[in-house]
N, C-alpha and C. Protein backbone atom coordinates (compact mmCIF):
# COMPACT_ATOMS: atom_id res chain seq x y z
N MET A 1 -21.84 36.50 -105.86
CA MET A 1 -22.19 36.79 -104.48
C MET A 1 -21.59 38.13 -104.06
N ALA A 2 -22.28 38.77 -103.15
CA ALA A 2 -21.82 40.05 -102.66
C ALA A 2 -20.76 39.83 -101.59
N ASN A 3 -19.81 40.72 -101.57
CA ASN A 3 -18.76 40.66 -100.56
C ASN A 3 -19.15 41.57 -99.41
N ILE A 4 -19.41 41.00 -98.26
CA ILE A 4 -19.83 41.77 -97.09
C ILE A 4 -18.70 41.75 -96.07
N THR A 5 -18.20 42.93 -95.75
CA THR A 5 -17.15 43.01 -94.74
C THR A 5 -17.64 43.88 -93.58
N ILE A 6 -17.34 43.42 -92.39
CA ILE A 6 -17.69 44.17 -91.19
C ILE A 6 -16.40 44.56 -90.51
N THR A 7 -16.20 45.84 -90.36
CA THR A 7 -14.99 46.34 -89.72
C THR A 7 -15.28 46.74 -88.28
N GLU A 8 -14.25 47.03 -87.55
CA GLU A 8 -14.43 47.46 -86.16
C GLU A 8 -15.20 48.78 -86.09
N ASN A 9 -14.98 49.66 -87.07
CA ASN A 9 -15.72 50.93 -87.10
C ASN A 9 -17.21 50.69 -87.26
N ASP A 10 -17.60 49.70 -88.08
CA ASP A 10 -19.01 49.38 -88.26
C ASP A 10 -19.62 48.89 -86.94
N ILE A 11 -18.89 48.07 -86.22
CA ILE A 11 -19.39 47.54 -84.95
C ILE A 11 -19.56 48.67 -83.94
N LYS A 12 -18.56 49.56 -83.86
CA LYS A 12 -18.66 50.70 -82.93
C LYS A 12 -19.83 51.61 -83.31
N ARG A 13 -20.00 51.85 -84.60
CA ARG A 13 -21.08 52.71 -85.07
C ARG A 13 -22.44 52.09 -84.73
N ARG A 14 -22.56 50.77 -84.90
CA ARG A 14 -23.83 50.11 -84.58
C ARG A 14 -24.13 50.17 -83.10
N LYS A 15 -23.12 49.97 -82.26
CA LYS A 15 -23.33 50.06 -80.81
C LYS A 15 -23.74 51.48 -80.42
N ASN A 16 -23.08 52.47 -81.02
CA ASN A 16 -23.38 53.87 -80.73
C ASN A 16 -24.80 54.22 -81.19
N THR A 17 -25.18 53.72 -82.35
CA THR A 17 -26.52 53.98 -82.87
C THR A 17 -27.56 53.31 -81.99
N ARG A 18 -27.30 52.08 -81.55
CA ARG A 18 -28.24 51.37 -80.69
C ARG A 18 -28.39 52.09 -79.35
N LEU A 19 -27.29 52.59 -78.81
CA LEU A 19 -27.35 53.32 -77.54
C LEU A 19 -28.16 54.60 -77.70
N LYS A 20 -27.94 55.33 -78.79
CA LYS A 20 -28.70 56.56 -79.02
C LYS A 20 -30.19 56.25 -79.19
N SER A 21 -30.50 55.19 -79.91
CA SER A 21 -31.90 54.82 -80.11
C SER A 21 -32.56 54.46 -78.78
N THR A 22 -31.85 53.73 -77.94
CA THR A 22 -32.39 53.35 -76.64
C THR A 22 -32.59 54.57 -75.76
N LEU A 23 -31.64 55.48 -75.78
CA LEU A 23 -31.78 56.70 -74.97
C LEU A 23 -32.95 57.56 -75.46
N TRP A 24 -33.11 57.66 -76.77
CA TRP A 24 -34.25 58.41 -77.32
C TRP A 24 -35.57 57.75 -76.90
N PHE A 25 -35.62 56.42 -76.95
CA PHE A 25 -36.84 55.71 -76.56
C PHE A 25 -37.17 55.99 -75.10
N VAL A 26 -36.18 55.91 -74.23
CA VAL A 26 -36.40 56.16 -72.80
C VAL A 26 -36.82 57.60 -72.57
N ALA A 27 -36.15 58.54 -73.22
CA ALA A 27 -36.48 59.96 -73.04
C ALA A 27 -37.90 60.26 -73.51
N LEU A 28 -38.29 59.74 -74.67
CA LEU A 28 -39.63 60.00 -75.17
C LEU A 28 -40.69 59.29 -74.33
N TRP A 29 -40.35 58.10 -73.82
CA TRP A 29 -41.29 57.39 -72.95
C TRP A 29 -41.52 58.20 -71.67
N CYS A 30 -40.44 58.70 -71.08
CA CYS A 30 -40.57 59.52 -69.86
C CYS A 30 -41.37 60.79 -70.14
N ALA A 31 -41.13 61.41 -71.28
CA ALA A 31 -41.89 62.62 -71.63
C ALA A 31 -43.37 62.29 -71.82
N GLY A 32 -43.67 61.15 -72.39
CA GLY A 32 -45.06 60.74 -72.57
C GLY A 32 -45.75 60.46 -71.26
N VAL A 33 -45.08 59.75 -70.38
CA VAL A 33 -45.66 59.46 -69.06
C VAL A 33 -45.85 60.75 -68.28
N GLY A 34 -44.86 61.62 -68.31
CA GLY A 34 -44.97 62.91 -67.61
C GLY A 34 -46.10 63.75 -68.17
N GLY A 35 -46.23 63.77 -69.48
CA GLY A 35 -47.32 64.52 -70.11
C GLY A 35 -48.68 63.97 -69.73
N ALA A 36 -48.80 62.66 -69.68
CA ALA A 36 -50.08 62.05 -69.29
C ALA A 36 -50.41 62.38 -67.84
N MET A 37 -49.40 62.38 -66.98
CA MET A 37 -49.64 62.71 -65.57
C MET A 37 -50.07 64.17 -65.43
N LEU A 38 -49.41 65.06 -66.17
CA LEU A 38 -49.78 66.47 -66.11
C LEU A 38 -51.18 66.71 -66.67
N LEU A 39 -51.54 65.94 -67.66
CA LEU A 39 -52.88 66.07 -68.24
C LEU A 39 -53.94 65.58 -67.25
N ALA A 40 -53.63 64.54 -66.49
CA ALA A 40 -54.60 63.97 -65.55
C ALA A 40 -54.67 64.75 -64.24
N LEU A 41 -53.65 65.51 -63.91
CA LEU A 41 -53.59 66.21 -62.63
C LEU A 41 -54.77 67.14 -62.38
N PRO A 42 -55.17 68.00 -63.30
CA PRO A 42 -56.31 68.89 -63.02
C PRO A 42 -57.60 68.11 -62.74
N PHE A 43 -57.81 67.02 -63.44
CA PHE A 43 -59.01 66.22 -63.21
C PHE A 43 -58.98 65.57 -61.83
N LYS A 44 -57.80 65.11 -61.43
CA LYS A 44 -57.66 64.52 -60.09
C LYS A 44 -57.96 65.57 -59.02
N LEU A 45 -57.42 66.78 -59.22
CA LEU A 45 -57.66 67.84 -58.25
C LEU A 45 -59.14 68.26 -58.22
N LEU A 46 -59.79 68.28 -59.37
CA LEU A 46 -61.21 68.61 -59.41
C LEU A 46 -62.04 67.55 -58.68
N ILE A 47 -61.71 66.30 -58.86
CA ILE A 47 -62.45 65.24 -58.18
C ILE A 47 -62.23 65.32 -56.67
N GLN A 48 -61.00 65.60 -56.25
CA GLN A 48 -60.73 65.74 -54.82
C GLN A 48 -61.48 66.94 -54.24
N ALA A 49 -61.54 68.04 -54.99
CA ALA A 49 -62.23 69.24 -54.50
C ALA A 49 -63.73 68.98 -54.41
N ALA A 50 -64.27 68.23 -55.34
CA ALA A 50 -65.70 67.94 -55.34
C ALA A 50 -66.06 66.96 -54.22
N ALA A 51 -65.12 66.11 -53.85
CA ALA A 51 -65.39 65.12 -52.81
C ALA A 51 -65.43 65.75 -51.41
N HIS A 52 -64.78 66.88 -51.25
CA HIS A 52 -64.75 67.50 -49.92
C HIS A 52 -65.89 68.41 -49.73
C-alpha cells in the first residue's frame, strides 16, 4: 500500500490554490459578462435610434 501523508503545508497550499481558482473563475466570468454587454450595446442603441 502507498503511504499518503498530508501535512499542514499541503492543506494551506490546497486552500490557496482553491482561492486562486475561484478568483480566476469570478474574474473571467465578469470579463465575459462585460464583453457580452459591450457587444450588445451598439445593437441596443441602433434599435433605440430606429424606434424614434
